[in-house]
Amino acid sequence: MSEFKISGCCSLCDTPVYEVLARFAEHERRPGEPKQLGAPDEGATKITFGLFDGTKADLTFCDSCAEELNCGQYMEIWRKVMRSWLREIAGKTEQHSNWLPKQYANGLLLELGRVKIKEQANGASTT
């Protein structure tokens, strides 16, 4: 598992769950990471989580990690998400000074639903 959530990849194991159409170049901010995504893989699963503050967050997982996901992994996943957000807003923290402490104290509380991304695109509802 990487230190950061990688766009288009499983939130836990970093396996690509979307087709990668382009990657960031070596001179760009996140060299080698997916820059443009295509279609999702068959097993790509979106899981909606309820957070401690009552809001919701959607994260994507590969089929294997979605099947084996347990609440003991929630803290590790949330920390990975937070590190990714901090990386994204690096140098812009003044704009987010009220938001950051709340999100640090936040976290994944419970799973609210899940759906295979391809099924959702075809009109299926979350279960």
Protein backbone atom coordinates (compact mmCIF):
# COMPACT_ATOMS: atom_id res chain seq x y z
CA MET A 1 0.00 0.00 0.00
CA SER A 2 1.37 3.39 -0.96
CA GLU A 3 1.51 6.38 1.34
CA PHE A 4 -1.02 8.30 -0.82
CA LYS A 5 -4.33 7.51 -2.50
CA ILE A 6 -3.56 7.28 -6.20
CA SER A 7 -6.20 8.49 -8.62
CA GLY A 8 -7.83 5.63 -10.51
CA CYS A 9 -6.47 3.00 -8.13
CA CYS A 10 -7.85 0.94 -5.26
CA SER A 11 -8.00 2.97 -2.05
CA LEU A 12 -6.34 0.13 -0.18
CA CYS A 13 -3.89 -1.84 -2.35
CA ASP A 14 -3.26 0.67 -5.20
CA THR A 15 -4.26 -1.77 -7.94
CA PRO A 16 -5.50 0.21 -10.97
CA VAL A 17 -9.30 0.06 -11.17
CA TYR A 18 -9.65 2.37 -14.19
CA GLU A 19 -8.01 2.32 -17.57
CA VAL A 20 -5.11 4.81 -17.54
CA LEU A 21 -5.13 6.95 -20.67
CA ALA A 22 -2.25 9.25 -19.68
CA ARG A 23 0.26 9.65 -16.84
CA PHE A 24 1.94 12.72 -15.36
CA ALA A 25 5.36 13.38 -16.93
CA GLU A 26 8.58 13.33 -14.90
CA HIS A 27 8.66 17.13 -14.66
CA GLU A 28 5.06 17.36 -13.37
CA ARG A 29 3.89 17.35 -9.76
CA ARG A 30 3.04 13.62 -9.44
CA PRO A 31 5.35 11.90 -11.96
CA GLY A 32 4.14 8.53 -13.19
CA GLU A 33 0.72 8.75 -11.54
CA PRO A 34 -2.45 8.55 -13.64
CA LYS A 35 -3.36 11.89 -15.21
CA GLN A 36 -6.32 10.88 -17.36
CA LEU A 37 -8.61 7.94 -16.66
CA GLY A 38 -10.77 5.88 -18.97
CA ALA A 39 -13.33 3.18 -18.29
CA PRO A 40 -13.52 1.37 -14.93
CA ASP A 41 -12.53 -2.29 -14.61
CA GLU A 42 -15.27 -4.87 -14.13
CA GLY A 43 -14.51 -5.31 -10.43
CA ALA A 44 -14.11 -1.64 -9.51
CA THR A 45 -16.38 -1.04 -6.51
CA LYS A 46 -17.47 2.30 -5.07
CA ILE A 47 -18.11 2.15 -1.34
CA THR A 48 -19.91 5.00 0.38
CA PHE A 49 -18.85 5.59 3.97
CA GLY A 50 -20.50 7.59 6.70
CA LEU A 51 -17.94 9.79 8.44
CA PHE A 52 -17.87 10.68 12.14
CA ASP A 53 -19.17 14.18 11.42
CA GLY A 54 -22.24 12.85 9.58
CA THR A 55 -20.99 13.56 6.05
CA LYS A 56 -20.32 10.91 3.41
CA ALA A 57 -17.26 9.90 1.42
CA ASP A 58 -17.02 7.64 -1.62
CA LEU A 59 -13.89 5.56 -2.13
CA THR A 60 -13.06 3.08 -4.88
CA PHE A 61 -11.68 -0.40 -4.30
CA CYS A 62 -10.65 -3.36 -6.43
CA ASP A 63 -12.92 -6.39 -6.25
CA SER A 64 -10.59 -8.30 -3.93
CA CYS A 65 -10.14 -5.49 -1.38
CA ALA A 66 -13.87 -4.67 -1.44
CA GLU A 67 -14.65 -8.31 -0.62
CA GLU A 68 -12.20 -8.45 2.28
CA LEU A 69 -12.62 -4.91 3.64
CA ASN A 70 -13.18 -4.71 7.39
CA CYS A 71 -13.58 -1.89 9.89
CA GLY A 72 -10.10 -2.61 11.30
CA GLN A 73 -8.70 -1.08 8.10
CA TYR A 74 -10.73 2.15 8.29
CA MET A 75 -8.16 4.21 10.22
CA GLU A 76 -5.33 3.21 7.87
CA ILE A 77 -7.46 4.09 4.82
CA TRP A 78 -8.55 7.46 6.28
CA ARG A 79 -4.95 8.40 7.06
CA LYS A 80 -4.01 7.58 3.47
CA VAL A 81 -6.86 9.79 2.22
CA MET A 82 -5.78 12.65 4.51
CA ARG A 83 -2.15 12.43 3.37
CA SER A 84 -3.41 12.64 -0.22
CA TRP A 85 -5.57 15.70 0.49
CA LEU A 86 -2.64 17.40 2.22
CA ARG A 87 -0.45 16.67 -0.78
CA GLU A 88 -3.10 18.15 -3.09
CA ILE A 89 -3.46 21.37 -1.11
CA ALA A 90 0.25 21.80 -0.36
CA GLY A 91 1.00 25.51 -0.29
CA LYS A 92 -2.69 26.39 -0.04
CA THR A 93 -3.30 25.48 3.62
CA GLU A 94 -4.30 29.05 4.56
CA GLN A 95 -7.42 28.57 2.44
CA HIS A 96 -8.24 25.36 4.28
CA SER A 97 -7.27 26.25 7.86
CA ASN A 98 -10.80 25.68 9.25
CA TRP A 99 -11.34 22.54 7.21
CA LEU A 100 -8.12 20.68 8.11
CA PRO A 101 -8.57 20.17 11.89
CA LYS A 102 -12.12 18.90 11.36
CA GLN A 103 -10.97 16.40 8.75
CA TYR A 104 -8.08 15.18 10.91
CA ALA A 105 -10.58 14.41 13.68
CA ASN A 106 -12.98 12.85 11.17
CA GLY A 107 -12.80 9.31 9.86
CA LEU A 108 -14.64 6.37 8.36
CA LEU A 109 -17.40 5.32 10.75
CA LEU A 110 -19.44 2.78 8.80
CA GLU A 111 -20.20 1.53 5.34
CA LEU A 112 -23.43 2.93 3.92
CA GLY A 113 -23.50 1.10 0.61
CA ARG A 114 -21.53 -0.25 -2.30
CA VAL A 115 -21.96 -0.68 -6.02
CA LYS A 116 -19.87 -1.95 -8.90
CA ILE A 117 -19.01 1.20 -10.84
CA LYS A 118 -19.99 -0.30 -14.21
CA GLU A 119 -23.40 -1.30 -12.79
CA GLN A 120 -23.92 2.23 -11.44
CA ALA A 121 -23.19 3.63 -14.88
CA ASN A 122 -25.95 1.38 -16.20
CA GLY A 123 -28.47 2.70 -13.66
CA ALA A 124 -28.16 0.24 -10.73
CA SER A 125 -28.65 1.59 -7.19
CA THR A 126 -26.31 1.09 -4.24
CA THR A 127 -26.86 -1.84 -1.91
